[in-house]
Amino acid sequence: MDEETLGRQRQVLGPSHPYTLYSAARLARDMRETSALRESVDLLRTTYETYRTVLGDELVDTLRTAK
């Protein structure tokens, strides 16, 4: 379900929209909790870099995604 939501948000809002990034970070955390560690790390890294590029290093969501 989370993957479907993220896919739709990417199509409708774009991959750099804050809502899309937030959903990606949540999905990555859900993946981590289900032991999909490699996928989780990859998605979090991509999401973190996009947050930094688009919204800056100091945004609360950027910092949350980094931890």
C-alpha atoms as a PDB file:
ATOM      1  CA  MET A   1       0.000   0.000   0.000  1.00  0.00           C
ATOM      2  CA  ASP A   2       2.768   2.466   0.878  1.00  0.00           C
ATOM      3  CA  GLU A   3       4.529   1.700  -2.401  1.00  0.00           C
ATOM      4  CA  GLU A   4       1.332   2.391  -4.344  1.00  0.00           C
ATOM      5  CA  THR A   5       0.855   5.688  -2.536  1.00  0.00           C
ATOM      6  CA  LEU A   6       4.442   6.722  -3.213  1.00  0.00           C
ATOM      7  CA  GLY A   7       4.110   5.804  -6.891  1.00  0.00           C
ATOM      8  CA  ARG A   8       0.967   7.889  -7.238  1.00  0.00           C
ATOM      9  CA  GLN A   9       2.507  10.846  -5.464  1.00  0.00           C
ATOM     10  CA  ARG A  10       5.540  10.712  -7.725  1.00  0.00           C
ATOM     11  CA  GLN A  11       3.244  10.778 -10.774  1.00  0.00           C
ATOM     12  CA  VAL A  12       0.918  13.502  -9.529  1.00  0.00           C
ATOM     13  CA  LEU A  13       3.151  15.727  -7.395  1.00  0.00           C
ATOM     14  CA  GLY A  14       6.586  14.878  -8.761  1.00  0.00           C
ATOM     15  CA  PRO A  15       9.541  13.161  -7.119  1.00  0.00           C
ATOM     16  CA  SER A  16      10.777  16.284  -5.309  1.00  0.00           C
ATOM     17  CA  HIS A  17       7.526  17.432  -3.736  1.00  0.00           C
ATOM     18  CA  PRO A  18       7.646  17.528   0.089  1.00  0.00           C
ATOM     19  CA  TYR A  19       4.662  15.165   0.411  1.00  0.00           C
ATOM     20  CA  THR A  20       6.345  12.669  -1.916  1.00  0.00           C
ATOM     21  CA  LEU A  21       9.583  12.868   0.049  1.00  0.00           C
ATOM     22  CA  TYR A  22       7.763  12.405   3.339  1.00  0.00           C
ATOM     23  CA  SER A  23       5.985   9.326   1.984  1.00  0.00           C
ATOM     24  CA  ALA A  24       9.285   7.915   0.715  1.00  0.00           C
ATOM     25  CA  ALA A  25      10.885   8.353   4.140  1.00  0.00           C
ATOM     26  CA  ARG A  26       7.914   6.648   5.830  1.00  0.00           C
ATOM     27  CA  LEU A  27       8.032   3.770   3.355  1.00  0.00           C
ATOM     28  CA  ALA A  28      11.756   3.329   3.969  1.00  0.00           C
ATOM     29  CA  ARG A  29      11.158   3.145   7.719  1.00  0.00           C
ATOM     30  CA  ASP A  30       8.376   0.608   7.184  1.00  0.00           C
ATOM     31  CA  MET A  31      10.760  -1.429   5.034  1.00  0.00           C
ATOM     32  CA  ARG A  32      13.333  -1.362   7.806  1.00  0.00           C
ATOM     33  CA  GLU A  33      10.777  -2.682  10.291  1.00  0.00           C
ATOM     34  CA  THR A  34       9.998  -5.599   7.969  1.00  0.00           C
ATOM     35  CA  SER A  35      13.703  -6.468   7.581  1.00  0.00           C
ATOM     36  CA  ALA A  36      14.061  -5.118   4.036  1.00  0.00           C
ATOM     37  CA  LEU A  37      17.210  -3.351   5.188  1.00  0.00           C
ATOM     38  CA  ARG A  38      19.047  -2.887   1.881  1.00  0.00           C
ATOM     39  CA  GLU A  39      15.968  -1.434   0.192  1.00  0.00           C
ATOM     40  CA  SER A  40      15.323   0.764   3.203  1.00  0.00           C
ATOM     41  CA  VAL A  41      18.841   2.190   3.224  1.00  0.00           C
ATOM     42  CA  ASP A  42      18.791   2.821  -0.528  1.00  0.00           C
ATOM     43  CA  LEU A  43      15.455   4.641  -0.381  1.00  0.00           C
ATOM     44  CA  LEU A  44      16.465   6.688   2.670  1.00  0.00           C
ATOM     45  CA  ARG A  45      19.724   7.763   1.034  1.00  0.00           C
ATOM     46  CA  THR A  46      17.956   8.871  -2.120  1.00  0.00           C
ATOM     47  CA  THR A  47      15.241  10.635  -0.157  1.00  0.00           C
ATOM     48  CA  TYR A  48      17.742  12.367   2.114  1.00  0.00           C
ATOM     49  CA  GLU A  49      19.791  13.649  -0.829  1.00  0.00           C
ATOM     50  CA  THR A  50      16.653  14.954  -2.530  1.00  0.00           C
ATOM     51  CA  TYR A  51      15.517  16.678   0.657  1.00  0.00           C
ATOM     52  CA  ARG A  52      18.934  18.328   0.976  1.00  0.00           C
ATOM     53  CA  THR A  53      18.999  19.451  -2.643  1.00  0.00           C
ATOM     54  CA  VAL A  54      15.431  20.703  -2.855  1.00  0.00           C
ATOM     55  CA  LEU A  55      14.608  21.884   0.657  1.00  0.00           C
ATOM     56  CA  GLY A  56      17.954  22.401   2.375  1.00  0.00           C
ATOM     57  CA  ASP A  57      20.018  20.881   5.153  1.00  0.00           C
ATOM     58  CA  GLU A  58      18.211  22.546   8.045  1.00  0.00           C
ATOM     59  CA  LEU A  59      14.618  21.535   7.318  1.00  0.00           C
ATOM     60  CA  VAL A  60      13.209  19.358  10.095  1.00  0.00           C
ATOM     61  CA  ASP A  61      12.147  16.644   7.643  1.00  0.00           C
ATOM     62  CA  THR A  62      15.639  16.567   6.125  1.00  0.00           C
ATOM     63  CA  LEU A  63      17.120  16.066   9.570  1.00  0.00           C
ATOM     64  CA  ARG A  64      14.557  13.389  10.454  1.00  0.00           C
ATOM     65  CA  THR A  65      15.353  11.477   7.282  1.00  0.00           C
ATOM     66  CA  ALA A  66      19.073  11.571   8.104  1.00  0.00           C
ATOM     67  CA  LYS A  67      18.691   9.670  11.359  1.00  0.00           C
END
